[in-house]
Amino acid sequence: MKESIFLTFSALALILLVTPAAQTESVRDIKAGDAQVREQMLQITKELGTTCTQCHNVNDFKHPGKAEFGVAAKHMKLVAVMKANGFDGRGGPEANCYMCHRGALKPPAKMPAAP
């Protein structure tokens, strides 16, 4: 089981390294209205089981001062890369925070049991 987790994360890291930066996006690059960004952020908080203040400075939501802000940005790039490489929800699962985090800020350390 540990080997499958290692292989999964190794494959994701390889995809992240090989995929051109132009195919990834961050919150700053989203060309959407404030309402759409807010909707996406609220979805992320549900998928992580947290609140906005975990990553954001409430006085300036775009300020990257918190370490968690940088971690979240990297994870959002990873999700974007996964969506660009087949996890787009069309022929299978769609990449999102819940895939790994399962509603918890810190992802579970072990894989769930097979159904």
PDB file of N, CA and C in Angstrom:
ATOM      1  N   MET A   1       0.825  -1.182   0.000  1.00  0.00           N
ATOM      2  CA  MET A   1       0.000   0.000   0.000  1.00  0.00           C
ATOM      3  C   MET A   1       0.874   1.254   0.000  1.00  0.00           C
ATOM      4  N   LYS A   2       1.952   1.256   0.797  1.00  0.00           N
ATOM      5  CA  LYS A   2       2.849   2.406   0.836  1.00  0.00           C
ATOM      6  C   LYS A   2       3.483   2.633  -0.526  1.00  0.00           C
ATOM      7  N   GLU A   3       3.743   1.516  -1.236  1.00  0.00           N
ATOM      8  CA  GLU A   3       4.353   1.640  -2.557  1.00  0.00           C
ATOM      9  C   GLU A   3       3.404   2.313  -3.539  1.00  0.00           C
ATOM     10  N   SER A   4       2.086   2.003  -3.447  1.00  0.00           N
ATOM     11  CA  SER A   4       1.135   2.620  -4.365  1.00  0.00           C
ATOM     12  C   SER A   4       0.987   4.114  -4.084  1.00  0.00           C
ATOM     13  N   ILE A   5       1.050   4.491  -2.813  1.00  0.00           N
ATOM     14  CA  ILE A   5       0.987   5.915  -2.470  1.00  0.00           C
ATOM     15  C   ILE A   5       2.221   6.620  -3.017  1.00  0.00           C
ATOM     16  N   PHE A   6       3.385   5.998  -2.821  1.00  0.00           N
ATOM     17  CA  PHE A   6       4.628   6.574  -3.321  1.00  0.00           C
ATOM     18  C   PHE A   6       4.587   6.710  -4.838  1.00  0.00           C
ATOM     19  N   LEU A   7       4.131   5.683  -5.535  1.00  0.00           N
ATOM     20  CA  LEU A   7       4.069   5.726  -6.994  1.00  0.00           C
ATOM     21  C   LEU A   7       3.101   6.795  -7.488  1.00  0.00           C
ATOM     22  N   THR A   8       1.974   6.937  -6.800  1.00  0.00           N
ATOM     23  CA  THR A   8       0.992   7.953  -7.183  1.00  0.00           C
ATOM     24  C   THR A   8       1.589   9.348  -7.063  1.00  0.00           C
ATOM     25  N   PHE A   9       2.208   9.633  -5.927  1.00  0.00           N
ATOM     26  CA  PHE A   9       2.790  10.962  -5.736  1.00  0.00           C
ATOM     27  C   PHE A   9       3.989  11.189  -6.646  1.00  0.00           C
ATOM     28  N   SER A  10       4.736  10.140  -6.934  1.00  0.00           N
ATOM     29  CA  SER A  10       5.859  10.266  -7.869  1.00  0.00           C
ATOM     30  C   SER A  10       5.358  10.612  -9.263  1.00  0.00           C
ATOM     31  N   ALA A  11       4.290   9.949  -9.685  1.00  0.00           N
ATOM     32  CA  ALA A  11       3.719  10.228 -11.001  1.00  0.00           C
ATOM     33  C   ALA A  11       3.190  11.652 -11.069  1.00  0.00           C
ATOM     34  N   LEU A  12       2.520  12.104 -10.011  1.00  0.00           N
ATOM     35  CA  LEU A  12       1.995  13.468  -9.989  1.00  0.00           C
ATOM     36  C   LEU A  12       3.131  14.490 -10.026  1.00  0.00           C
ATOM     37  N   ALA A  13       4.205  14.222  -9.296  1.00  0.00           N
ATOM     38  CA  ALA A  13       5.354  15.134  -9.299  1.00  0.00           C
ATOM     39  C   ALA A  13       5.982  15.188 -10.683  1.00  0.00           C
ATOM     40  N   LEU A  14       6.083  14.040 -11.340  1.00  0.00           N
ATOM     41  CA  LEU A  14       6.646  13.995 -12.693  1.00  0.00           C
ATOM     42  C   LEU A  14       5.777  14.783 -13.659  1.00  0.00           C
ATOM     43  N   ILE A  15       4.472  14.626 -13.561  1.00  0.00           N
ATOM     44  CA  ILE A  15       3.554  15.380 -14.421  1.00  0.00           C
ATOM     45  C   ILE A  15       3.736  16.872 -14.183  1.00  0.00           C
ATOM     46  N   LEU A  16       3.851  17.273 -12.927  1.00  0.00           N
ATOM     47  CA  LEU A  16       4.017  18.681 -12.591  1.00  0.00           C
ATOM     48  C   LEU A  16       5.311  19.241 -13.167  1.00  0.00           C
ATOM     49  N   LEU A  17       6.375  18.444 -13.137  1.00  0.00           N
ATOM     50  CA  LEU A  17       7.666  18.902 -13.655  1.00  0.00           C
ATOM     51  C   LEU A  17       7.701  18.952 -15.176  1.00  0.00           C
ATOM     52  N   VAL A  18       7.015  18.028 -15.839  1.00  0.00           N
ATOM     53  CA  VAL A  18       7.075  17.922 -17.295  1.00  0.00           C
ATOM     54  C   VAL A  18       6.106  18.863 -17.989  1.00  0.00           C
ATOM     55  N   THR A  19       4.974  19.149 -17.357  1.00  0.00           N
ATOM     56  CA  THR A  19       3.950  19.979 -17.981  1.00  0.00           C
ATOM     57  C   THR A  19       4.411  21.424 -18.050  1.00  0.00           C
ATOM     58  N   PRO A  20       4.273  22.071 -19.202  1.00  0.00           N
ATOM     59  CA  PRO A  20       4.669  23.478 -19.320  1.00  0.00           C
ATOM     60  C   PRO A  20       3.869  24.365 -18.376  1.00  0.00           C
ATOM     61  N   ALA A  21       4.508  25.390 -17.887  1.00  0.00           N
ATOM     62  CA  ALA A  21       3.864  26.304 -16.934  1.00  0.00           C
ATOM     63  C   ALA A  21       2.641  26.980 -17.530  1.00  0.00           C
ATOM     64  N   ALA A  22       2.595  27.123 -18.843  1.00  0.00           N
ATOM     65  CA  ALA A  22       1.480  27.805 -19.486  1.00  0.00           C
ATOM     66  C   ALA A  22       0.167  27.059 -19.289  1.00  0.00           C
ATOM     67  N   GLN A  23       0.229  25.753 -18.999  1.00  0.00           N
ATOM     68  CA  GLN A  23      -0.989  24.977 -18.832  1.00  0.00           C
ATOM     69  C   GLN A  23      -1.520  25.015 -17.407  1.00  0.00           C
ATOM     70  N   THR A  24      -0.792  25.622 -16.506  1.00  0.00           N
ATOM     71  CA  THR A  24      -1.240  25.692 -15.127  1.00  0.00           C
ATOM     72  C   THR A  24      -1.823  27.071 -14.859  1.00  0.00           C
ATOM     73  N   GLU A  25      -2.582  27.152 -13.790  1.00  0.00           N
ATOM     74  CA  GLU A  25      -3.143  28.442 -13.426  1.00  0.00           C
ATOM     75  C   GLU A  25      -3.121  28.591 -11.923  1.00  0.00           C
ATOM     76  N   SER A  26      -3.091  29.812 -11.489  1.00  0.00           N
ATOM     77  CA  SER A  26      -3.171  30.077 -10.060  1.00  0.00           C
ATOM     78  C   SER A  26      -4.362  31.006  -9.851  1.00  0.00           C
ATOM     79  N   VAL A  27      -4.632  31.292  -8.618  1.00  0.00           N
ATOM     80  CA  VAL A  27      -5.770  32.161  -8.317  1.00  0.00           C
ATOM     81  C   VAL A  27      -5.594  33.513  -8.991  1.00  0.00           C
ATOM     82  N   ARG A  28      -4.372  34.030  -9.035  1.00  0.00           N
ATOM     83  CA  ARG A  28      -4.122  35.333  -9.648  1.00  0.00           C
ATOM     84  C   ARG A  28      -4.365  35.315 -11.154  1.00  0.00           C
ATOM     85  N   ASP A  29      -4.238  34.136 -11.786  1.00  0.00           N
ATOM     86  CA  ASP A  29      -4.383  34.043 -13.228  1.00  0.00           C
ATOM     87  C   ASP A  29      -5.808  33.759 -13.690  1.00  0.00           C
ATOM     88  N   ILE A  30      -6.682  33.436 -12.760  1.00  0.00           N
ATOM     89  CA  ILE A  30      -8.050  33.112 -13.145  1.00  0.00           C
ATOM     90  C   ILE A  30      -8.711  34.352 -13.725  1.00  0.00           C
ATOM     91  N   LYS A  31      -9.190  34.219 -14.945  1.00  0.00           N
ATOM     92  CA  LYS A  31      -9.851  35.334 -15.618  1.00  0.00           C
ATOM     93  C   LYS A  31     -11.358  35.211 -15.391  1.00  0.00           C
ATOM     94  N   ALA A  32     -11.758  35.407 -14.153  1.00  0.00           N
ATOM     95  CA  ALA A  32     -13.159  35.268 -13.795  1.00  0.00           C
ATOM     96  C   ALA A  32     -13.566  36.423 -12.909  1.00  0.00           C
ATOM     97  N   GLY A  33     -14.843  36.592 -12.800  1.00  0.00           N
ATOM     98  CA  GLY A  33     -15.363  37.635 -11.931  1.00  0.00           C
ATOM     99  C   GLY A  33     -15.157  37.285 -10.474  1.00  0.00           C
ATOM    100  N   ASP A  34     -15.270  38.277  -9.623  1.00  0.00           N
ATOM    101  CA  ASP A  34     -15.090  38.076  -8.190  1.00  0.00           C
ATOM    102  C   ASP A  34     -16.049  37.018  -7.640  1.00  0.00           C
ATOM    103  N   ALA A  35     -17.267  36.987  -8.178  1.00  0.00           N
ATOM    104  CA  ALA A  35     -18.249  36.015  -7.693  1.00  0.00           C
ATOM    105  C   ALA A  35     -17.800  34.588  -7.985  1.00  0.00           C
ATOM    106  N   GLN A  36     -17.221  34.358  -9.160  1.00  0.00           N
ATOM    107  CA  GLN A  36     -16.760  33.015  -9.516  1.00  0.00           C
ATOM    108  C   GLN A  36     -15.557  32.611  -8.667  1.00  0.00           C
ATOM    109  N   VAL A  37     -14.641  33.540  -8.437  1.00  0.00           N
ATOM    110  CA  VAL A  37     -13.478  33.240  -7.596  1.00  0.00           C
ATOM    111  C   VAL A  37     -13.944  32.920  -6.185  1.00  0.00           C
ATOM    112  N   ARG A  38     -14.870  33.705  -5.675  1.00  0.00           N
ATOM    113  CA  ARG A  38     -15.400  33.459  -4.327  1.00  0.00           C
ATOM    114  C   ARG A  38     -16.064  32.085  -4.255  1.00  0.00           C
ATOM    115  N   GLU A  39     -16.817  31.732  -5.272  1.00  0.00           N
ATOM    116  CA  GLU A  39     -17.471  30.424  -5.313  1.00  0.00           C
ATOM    117  C   GLU A  39     -16.428  29.292  -5.298  1.00  0.00           C
ATOM    118  N   GLN A  40     -15.368  29.459  -6.081  1.00  0.00           N
ATOM    119  CA  GLN A  40     -14.302  28.453  -6.117  1.00  0.00           C
ATOM    120  C   GLN A  40     -13.605  28.346  -4.759  1.00  0.00           C
ATOM    121  N   MET A  41     -13.341  29.469  -4.134  1.00  0.00           N
ATOM    122  CA  MET A  41     -12.685  29.464  -2.826  1.00  0.00           C
ATOM    123  C   MET A  41     -13.564  28.798  -1.775  1.00  0.00           C
ATOM    124  N   LEU A  42     -14.857  29.060  -1.808  1.00  0.00           N
ATOM    125  CA  LEU A  42     -15.772  28.427  -0.856  1.00  0.00           C
ATOM    126  C   LEU A  42     -15.809  26.913  -1.064  1.00  0.00           C
ATOM    127  N   GLN A  43     -15.745  26.474  -2.322  1.00  0.00           N
ATOM    128  CA  GLN A  43     -15.699  25.041  -2.605  1.00  0.00           C
ATOM    129  C   GLN A  43     -14.417  24.424  -2.032  1.00  0.00           C
ATOM    130  N   ILE A  44     -13.308  25.124  -2.191  1.00  0.00           N
ATOM    131  CA  ILE A  44     -12.032  24.638  -1.662  1.00  0.00           C
ATOM    132  C   ILE A  44     -12.100  24.517  -0.139  1.00  0.00           C
ATOM    133  N   THR A  45     -12.700  25.486   0.540  1.00  0.00           N
ATOM    134  CA  THR A  45     -12.796  25.405   2.002  1.00  0.00           C
ATOM    135  C   THR A  45     -13.617  24.185   2.424  1.00  0.00           C
ATOM    136  N   LYS A  46     -14.641  23.838   1.657  1.00  0.00           N
ATOM    137  CA  LYS A  46     -15.430  22.640   1.964  1.00  0.00           C
ATOM    138  C   LYS A  46     -14.594  21.379   1.761  1.00  0.00           C
ATOM    139  N   GLU A  47     -13.831  21.351   0.668  1.00  0.00           N
ATOM    140  CA  GLU A  47     -13.022  20.173   0.350  1.00  0.00           C
ATOM    141  C   GLU A  47     -11.889  19.964   1.350  1.00  0.00           C
ATOM    142  N   LEU A  48     -11.452  21.050   1.990  1.00  0.00           N
ATOM    143  CA  LEU A  48     -10.364  20.974   2.968  1.00  0.00           C
ATOM    144  C   LEU A  48     -10.859  20.984   4.410  1.00  0.00           C
ATOM    145  N   GLY A  49     -12.139  21.269   4.605  1.00  0.00           N
ATOM    146  CA  GLY A  49     -12.674  21.316   5.958  1.00  0.00           C
ATOM    147  C   GLY A  49     -12.080  22.440   6.785  1.00  0.00           C
ATOM    148  N   THR A  50     -11.917  23.612   6.181  1.00  0.00           N
ATOM    149  CA  THR A  50     -11.280  24.736   6.863  1.00  0.00           C
ATOM    150  C   THR A  50     -12.024  26.029   6.544  1.00  0.00           C
ATOM    151  N   THR A  51     -11.422  27.148   6.894  1.00  0.00           N
ATOM    152  CA  THR A  51     -12.003  28.455   6.580  1.00  0.00           C
ATOM    153  C   THR A  51     -10.995  29.275   5.778  1.00  0.00           C
ATOM    154  N   CYS A  52     -11.423  30.405   5.282  1.00  0.00           N
ATOM    155  CA  CYS A  52     -10.577  31.287   4.467  1.00  0.00           C
ATOM    156  C   CYS A  52      -9.328  31.747   5.216  1.00  0.00           C
ATOM    157  N   THR A  53      -9.482  31.956   6.528  1.00  0.00           N
ATOM    158  CA  THR A  53      -8.374  32.506   7.307  1.00  0.00           C
ATOM    159  C   THR A  53      -7.208  31.527   7.472  1.00  0.00           C
ATOM    160  N   GLN A  54      -7.399  30.287   7.112  1.00  0.00           N
ATOM    161  CA  GLN A  54      -6.304  29.316   7.184  1.00  0.00           C
ATOM    162  C   GLN A  54      -5.166  29.739   6.254  1.00  0.00           C
ATOM    163  N   CYS A  55      -5.498  30.244   5.057  1.00  0.00           N
ATOM    164  CA  CYS A  55      -4.488  30.618   4.068  1.00  0.00           C
ATOM    165  C   CYS A  55      -4.383  32.128   3.849  1.00  0.00           C
ATOM    166  N   HIS A  56      -5.481  32.830   4.086  1.00  0.00           N
ATOM    167  CA  HIS A  56      -5.542  34.243   3.727  1.00  0.00           C
ATOM    168  C   HIS A  56      -5.435  35.184   4.920  1.00  0.00           C
ATOM    169  N   ASN A  57      -4.832  36.336   4.661  1.00  0.00           N
ATOM    170  CA  ASN A  57      -4.820  37.459   5.590  1.00  0.00           C
ATOM    171  C   ASN A  57      -6.148  38.183   5.372  1.00  0.00           C
ATOM    172  N   VAL A  58      -6.971  38.321   6.406  1.00  0.00           N
ATOM    173  CA  VAL A  58      -8.297  38.903   6.238  1.00  0.00           C
ATOM    174  C   VAL A  58      -8.261  40.380   5.859  1.00  0.00           C
ATOM    175  N   ASN A  59      -7.143  41.048   6.077  1.00  0.00           N
ATOM    176  CA  ASN A  59      -7.024  42.458   5.697  1.00  0.00           C
ATOM    177  C   ASN A  59      -6.644  42.635   4.230  1.00  0.00           C
ATOM    178  N   ASP A  60      -6.047  41.598   3.631  1.00  0.00           N
ATOM    179  CA  ASP A  60      -5.651  41.628   2.220  1.00  0.00           C
ATOM    180  C   ASP A  60      -5.608  40.192   1.713  1.00  0.00           C
ATOM    181  N   PHE A  61      -6.701  39.739   1.114  1.00  0.00           N
ATOM    182  CA  PHE A  61      -6.824  38.345   0.706  1.00  0.00           C
ATOM    183  C   PHE A  61      -5.809  37.934  -0.356  1.00  0.00           C
ATOM    184  N   LYS A  62      -5.262  38.883  -1.109  1.00  0.00           N
ATOM    185  CA  LYS A  62      -4.291  38.552  -2.155  1.00  0.00           C
ATOM    186  C   LYS A  62      -2.850  38.545  -1.651  1.00  0.00           C
ATOM    187  N   HIS A  63      -2.632  38.960  -0.422  1.00  0.00           N
ATOM    188  CA  HIS A  63      -1.274  39.032   0.124  1.00  0.00           C
ATOM    189  C   HIS A  63      -0.751  37.629   0.428  1.00  0.00           C
ATOM    190  N   PRO A  64       0.431  37.284  -0.090  1.00  0.00           N
ATOM    191  CA  PRO A  64       0.987  35.936   0.105  1.00  0.00           C
ATOM    192  C   PRO A  64       1.809  35.794   1.388  1.00  0.00           C
ATOM    193  N   GLY A  65       1.444  36.511   2.428  1.00  0.00           N
ATOM    194  CA  GLY A  65       2.248  36.537   3.649  1.00  0.00           C
ATOM    195  C   GLY A  65       2.247  35.248   4.452  1.00  0.00           C
ATOM    196  N   LYS A  66       1.178  34.492   4.411  1.00  0.00           N
ATOM    197  CA  LYS A  66       1.110  33.259   5.180  1.00  0.00           C
ATOM    198  C   LYS A  66       1.747  32.115   4.394  1.00  0.00           C
ATOM    199  N   ALA A  67       2.443  31.258   5.106  1.00  0.00           N
ATOM    200  CA  ALA A  67       3.064  30.090   4.460  1.00  0.00           C
ATOM    201  C   ALA A  67       2.004  29.210   3.803  1.00  0.00           C
ATOM    202  N   GLU A  68       0.856  29.089   4.434  1.00  0.00           N
ATOM    203  CA  GLU A  68      -0.224  28.264   3.895  1.00  0.00           C
ATOM    204  C   GLU A  68      -0.703  28.774   2.535  1.00  0.00           C
ATOM    205  N   PHE A  69      -0.611  30.084   2.327  1.00  0.00           N
ATOM    206  CA  PHE A  69      -1.008  30.681   1.047  1.00  0.00           C
ATOM    207  C   PHE A  69      -0.146  30.107  -0.081  1.00  0.00           C
ATOM    208  N   GLY A  70       1.153  30.034   0.150  1.00  0.00           N
ATOM    209  CA  GLY A  70       2.066  29.489  -0.850  1.00  0.00           C
ATOM    210  C   GLY A  70       1.841  28.006  -1.093  1.00  0.00           C
ATOM    211  N   VAL A  71       1.594  27.264  -0.028  1.00  0.00           N
ATOM    212  CA  VAL A  71       1.316  25.835  -0.161  1.00  0.00           C
ATOM    213  C   VAL A  71       0.041  25.632  -0.970  1.00  0.00           C
ATOM    214  N   ALA A  72      -0.981  26.413  -0.668  1.00  0.00           N
ATOM    215  CA  ALA A  72      -2.247  26.303  -1.393  1.00  0.00           C
ATOM    216  C   ALA A  72      -2.062  26.622  -2.874  1.00  0.00           C
ATOM    217  N   ALA A  73      -1.273  27.638  -3.177  1.00  0.00           N
ATOM    218  CA  ALA A  73      -1.023  28.001  -4.578  1.00  0.00           C
ATOM    219  C   ALA A  73      -0.359  26.849  -5.326  1.00  0.00           C
ATOM    220  N   LYS A  74       0.612  26.192  -4.687  1.00  0.00           N
ATOM    221  CA  LYS A  74       1.279  25.045  -5.318  1.00  0.00           C
ATOM    222  C   LYS A  74       0.303  23.894  -5.521  1.00  0.00           C
ATOM    223  N   HIS A  75      -0.550  23.649  -4.537  1.00  0.00           N
ATOM    224  CA  HIS A  75      -1.530  22.580  -4.664  1.00  0.00           C
ATOM    225  C   HIS A  75      -2.550  22.898  -5.758  1.00  0.00           C
ATOM    226  N   MET A  76      -2.912  24.162  -5.892  1.00  0.00           N
ATOM    227  CA  MET A  76      -3.859  24.540  -6.951  1.00  0.00           C
ATOM    228  C   MET A  76      -3.231  24.329  -8.328  1.00  0.00           C
ATOM    229  N   LYS A  77      -1.942  24.583  -8.447  1.00  0.00           N
ATOM    230  CA  LYS A  77      -1.243  24.302  -9.702  1.00  0.00           C
ATOM    231  C   LYS A  77      -1.246  22.804  -9.986  1.00  0.00           C
ATOM    232  N   LEU A  78      -1.030  22.002  -8.962  1.00  0.00           N
ATOM    233  CA  LEU A  78      -1.042  20.556  -9.125  1.00  0.00           C
ATOM    234  C   LEU A  78      -2.408  20.085  -9.621  1.00  0.00           C
ATOM    235  N   VAL A  79      -3.476  20.610  -9.046  1.00  0.00           N
ATOM    236  CA  VAL A  79      -4.827  20.252  -9.485  1.00  0.00           C
ATOM    237  C   VAL A  79      -5.034  20.681 -10.937  1.00  0.00           C
ATOM    238  N   ALA A  80      -4.559  21.873 -11.303  1.00  0.00           N
ATOM    239  CA  ALA A  80      -4.699  22.340 -12.688  1.00  0.00           C
ATOM    240  C   ALA A  80      -3.942  21.430 -13.653  1.00  0.00           C
ATOM    241  N   VAL A  81      -2.764  20.992 -13.267  1.00  0.00           N
ATOM    242  CA  VAL A  81      -1.972  20.080 -14.110  1.00  0.00           C
ATOM    243  C   VAL A  81      -2.704  18.751 -14.253  1.00  0.00           C
ATOM    244  N   MET A  82      -3.247  18.261 -13.166  1.00  0.00           N
ATOM    245  CA  MET A  82      -3.980  16.994 -13.227  1.00  0.00           C
ATOM    246  C   MET A  82      -5.191  17.120 -14.154  1.00  0.00           C
ATOM    247  N   LYS A  83      -5.906  18.238 -14.070  1.00  0.00           N
ATOM    248  CA  LYS A  83      -7.065  18.446 -14.956  1.00  0.00           C
ATOM    249  C   LYS A  83      -6.629  18.512 -16.409  1.00  0.00           C
ATOM    250  N   ALA A  84      -5.491  19.133 -16.667  1.00  0.00           N
ATOM    251  CA  ALA A  84      -4.976  19.255 -18.035  1.00  0.00           C
ATOM    252  C   ALA A  84      -4.466  17.918 -18.574  1.00  0.00           C
ATOM    253  N   ASN A  85      -4.242  16.954 -17.685  1.00  0.00           N
ATOM    254  CA  ASN A  85      -3.699  15.665 -18.093  1.00  0.00           C
ATOM    255  C   ASN A  85      -4.656  14.506 -17.843  1.00  0.00           C
ATOM    256  N   GLY A  86      -5.946  14.758 -17.995  1.00  0.00           N
ATOM    257  CA  GLY A  86      -6.908  13.663 -17.967  1.00  0.00           C
ATOM    258  C   GLY A  86      -7.856  13.594 -16.798  1.00  0.00           C
ATOM    259  N   PHE A  87      -7.556  14.261 -15.708  1.00  0.00           N
ATOM    260  CA  PHE A  87      -8.466  14.240 -14.559  1.00  0.00           C
ATOM    261  C   PHE A  87      -9.416  15.430 -14.633  1.00  0.00           C
ATOM    262  N   ASP A  88     -10.131  15.532 -15.757  1.00  0.00           N
ATOM    263  CA  ASP A  88     -10.994  16.683 -16.001  1.00  0.00           C
ATOM    264  C   ASP A  88     -12.476  16.383 -15.787  1.00  0.00           C
ATOM    265  N   GLY A  89     -12.796  15.165 -15.374  1.00  0.00           N
ATOM    266  CA  GLY A  89     -14.182  14.809 -15.105  1.00  0.00           C
ATOM    267  C   GLY A  89     -14.945  14.340 -16.320  1.00  0.00           C
ATOM    268  N   ARG A  90     -14.333  14.341 -17.473  1.00  0.00           N
ATOM    269  CA  ARG A  90     -15.037  13.924 -18.693  1.00  0.00           C
ATOM    270  C   ARG A  90     -15.124  12.413 -18.810  1.00  0.00           C
ATOM    271  N   GLY A  91     -13.992  11.733 -18.685  1.00  0.00           N
ATOM    272  CA  GLY A  91     -13.982  10.285 -18.834  1.00  0.00           C
ATOM    273  C   GLY A  91     -13.686   9.567 -17.539  1.00  0.00           C
ATOM    274  N   GLY A  92     -13.610  10.281 -16.462  1.00  0.00           N
ATOM    275  CA  GLY A  92     -13.280   9.699 -15.162  1.00  0.00           C
ATOM    276  C   GLY A  92     -13.400  10.758 -14.090  1.00  0.00           C
ATOM    277  N   PRO A  93     -12.662  10.603 -13.013  1.00  0.00           N
ATOM    278  CA  PRO A  93     -12.775  11.565 -11.909  1.00  0.00           C
ATOM    279  C   PRO A  93     -12.204  12.937 -12.269  1.00  0.00           C
ATOM    280  N   GLU A  94     -12.723  13.958 -11.610  1.00  0.00           N
ATOM    281  CA  GLU A  94     -12.207  15.317 -11.788  1.00  0.00           C
ATOM    282  C   GLU A  94     -11.302  15.642 -10.610  1.00  0.00           C
ATOM    283  N   ALA A  95     -10.124  16.153 -10.913  1.00  0.00           N
ATOM    284  CA  ALA A  95      -9.173  16.521  -9.861  1.00  0.00           C
ATOM    285  C   ALA A  95      -9.726  17.679  -9.042  1.00  0.00           C
ATOM    286  N   ASN A  96      -9.609  17.548  -7.734  1.00  0.00           N
ATOM    287  CA  ASN A  96      -9.969  18.629  -6.818  1.00  0.00           C
ATOM    288  C   ASN A  96      -9.285  18.356  -5.481  1.00  0.00           C
ATOM    289  N   CYS A  97      -9.429  19.242  -4.553  1.00  0.00           N
ATOM    290  CA  CYS A  97      -8.764  19.112  -3.252  1.00  0.00           C
ATOM    291  C   CYS A  97      -9.252  17.877  -2.503  1.00  0.00           C
ATOM    292  N   TYR A  98     -10.528  17.546  -2.666  1.00  0.00           N
ATOM    293  CA  TYR A  98     -11.123  16.437  -1.930  1.00  0.00           C
ATOM    294  C   TYR A  98     -10.501  15.091  -2.302  1.00  0.00           C
ATOM    295  N   MET A  99      -9.952  14.978  -3.519  1.00  0.00           N
ATOM    296  CA  MET A  99      -9.340  13.716  -3.941  1.00  0.00           C
ATOM    297  C   MET A  99      -8.336  13.215  -2.910  1.00  0.00           C
ATOM    298  N   CYS A 100      -7.544  14.102  -2.371  1.00  0.00           N
ATOM    299  CA  CYS A 100      -6.519  13.723  -1.398  1.00  0.00           C
ATOM    300  C   CYS A 100      -6.910  14.065   0.027  1.00  0.00           C
ATOM    301  N   HIS A 101      -7.502  15.231   0.220  1.00  0.00           N
ATOM    302  CA  HIS A 101      -7.739  15.732   1.572  1.00  0.00           C
ATOM    303  C   HIS A 101      -8.945  15.124   2.257  1.00  0.00           C
ATOM    304  N   ARG A 102      -9.941  14.697   1.506  1.00  0.00           N
ATOM    305  CA  ARG A 102     -11.139  14.058   2.071  1.00  0.00           C
ATOM    306  C   ARG A 102     -11.782  14.893   3.177  1.00  0.00           C
ATOM    307  N   GLY A 103     -11.831  16.207   2.971  1.00  0.00           N
ATOM    308  CA  GLY A 103     -12.482  17.087   3.923  1.00  0.00           C
ATOM    309  C   GLY A 103     -11.660  17.440   5.142  1.00  0.00           C
ATOM    310  N   ALA A 104     -10.375  17.092   5.124  1.00  0.00           N
ATOM    311  CA  ALA A 104      -9.499  17.397   6.266  1.00  0.00           C
ATOM    312  C   ALA A 104      -8.326  18.234   5.774  1.00  0.00           C
ATOM    313  N   LEU A 105      -7.897  19.195   6.577  1.00  0.00           N
ATOM    314  CA  LEU A 105      -6.798  20.056   6.186  1.00  0.00           C
ATOM    315  C   LEU A 105      -5.536  19.250   5.918  1.00  0.00           C
ATOM    316  N   LYS A 106      -5.282  18.255   6.756  1.00  0.00           N
ATOM    317  CA  LYS A 106      -4.139  17.381   6.570  1.00  0.00           C
ATOM    318  C   LYS A 106      -4.657  16.068   5.978  1.00  0.00           C
ATOM    319  N   PRO A 107      -4.182  15.689   4.781  1.00  0.00           N
ATOM    320  CA  PRO A 107      -4.709  14.470   4.150  1.00  0.00           C
ATOM    321  C   PRO A 107      -4.438  13.230   5.003  1.00  0.00           C
ATOM    322  N   PRO A 108      -5.343  12.252   4.918  1.00  0.00           N
ATOM    323  CA  PRO A 108      -5.116  11.020   5.666  1.00  0.00           C
ATOM    324  C   PRO A 108      -3.802  10.368   5.230  1.00  0.00           C
ATOM    325  N   ALA A 109      -3.121   9.719   6.146  1.00  0.00           N
ATOM    326  CA  ALA A 109      -1.811   9.131   5.861  1.00  0.00           C
ATOM    327  C   ALA A 109      -1.909   7.806   5.112  1.00  0.00           C
ATOM    328  N   LYS A 110      -3.074   7.185   5.099  1.00  0.00           N
ATOM    329  CA  LYS A 110      -3.180   5.907   4.421  1.00  0.00           C
ATOM    330  C   LYS A 110      -4.333   5.924   3.413  1.00  0.00           C
ATOM    331  N   MET A 111      -4.233   5.047   2.457  1.00  0.00           N
ATOM    332  CA  MET A 111      -5.240   4.942   1.413  1.00  0.00           C
ATOM    333  C   MET A 111      -6.509   4.300   2.007  1.00  0.00           C
ATOM    334  N   PRO A 112      -7.697   4.678   1.505  1.00  0.00           N
ATOM    335  CA  PRO A 112      -8.910   4.053   1.988  1.00  0.00           C
ATOM    336  C   PRO A 112      -8.985   2.596   1.504  1.00  0.00           C
ATOM    337  N   ALA A 113      -9.740   1.789   2.193  1.00  0.00           N
ATOM    338  CA  ALA A 113      -9.902   0.387   1.818  1.00  0.00           C
ATOM    339  C   ALA A 113     -10.655   0.295   0.498  1.00  0.00           C
ATOM    340  N   ALA A 114     -10.338  -0.721  -0.278  1.00  0.00           N
ATOM    341  CA  ALA A 114     -11.018  -0.942  -1.560  1.00  0.00           C
ATOM    342  C   ALA A 114     -12.480  -1.292  -1.298  1.00  0.00           C
ATOM    343  N   PRO A 115     -13.376  -0.813  -2.179  1.00  0.00           N
ATOM    344  CA  PRO A 115     -14.823  -1.094  -1.966  1.00  0.00           C
ATOM    345  C   PRO A 115     -15.158  -2.536  -2.154  1.00  0.00           C
TER     346      PRO A 115
END
